[in-house]
Amino acid sequence: MIDISELHARDWFGQQDSWRAFAACRGMDTDLFYPEGRGSTLRRREAVAKDVCASCPVAAQCREAASQQPERFGIWGGLTEGERGWSRR
């Protein structure tokens, strides 16, 4: 049986990025995933984004996409740039 939602996702995003159609963050303000600040302010903002990622059914695909790009900034798949191996400097 063909999954119609997957076919729609492929049409909209293309074969490689069809996972994006199922992302928990889809339609959210992207600023949430590029937090700014320092110290506890930054950690609080990162935690909000990570909470969204924690419930995401495609977080693993998101992390993989960030590593392939490479996506240097932001929270992808629940990981900050530092957790993905990038320095903030």
Foldseek 3Di string as FASTA:
>chain_A
DDDVLLVVLCVVPNDLPSLQVQFLCVPPDCCLFQDDDDDPRRVVSLVVVLVSLVPGPCLVSQLVVCVVVVPQQGATSNDGNVRNPHDPD
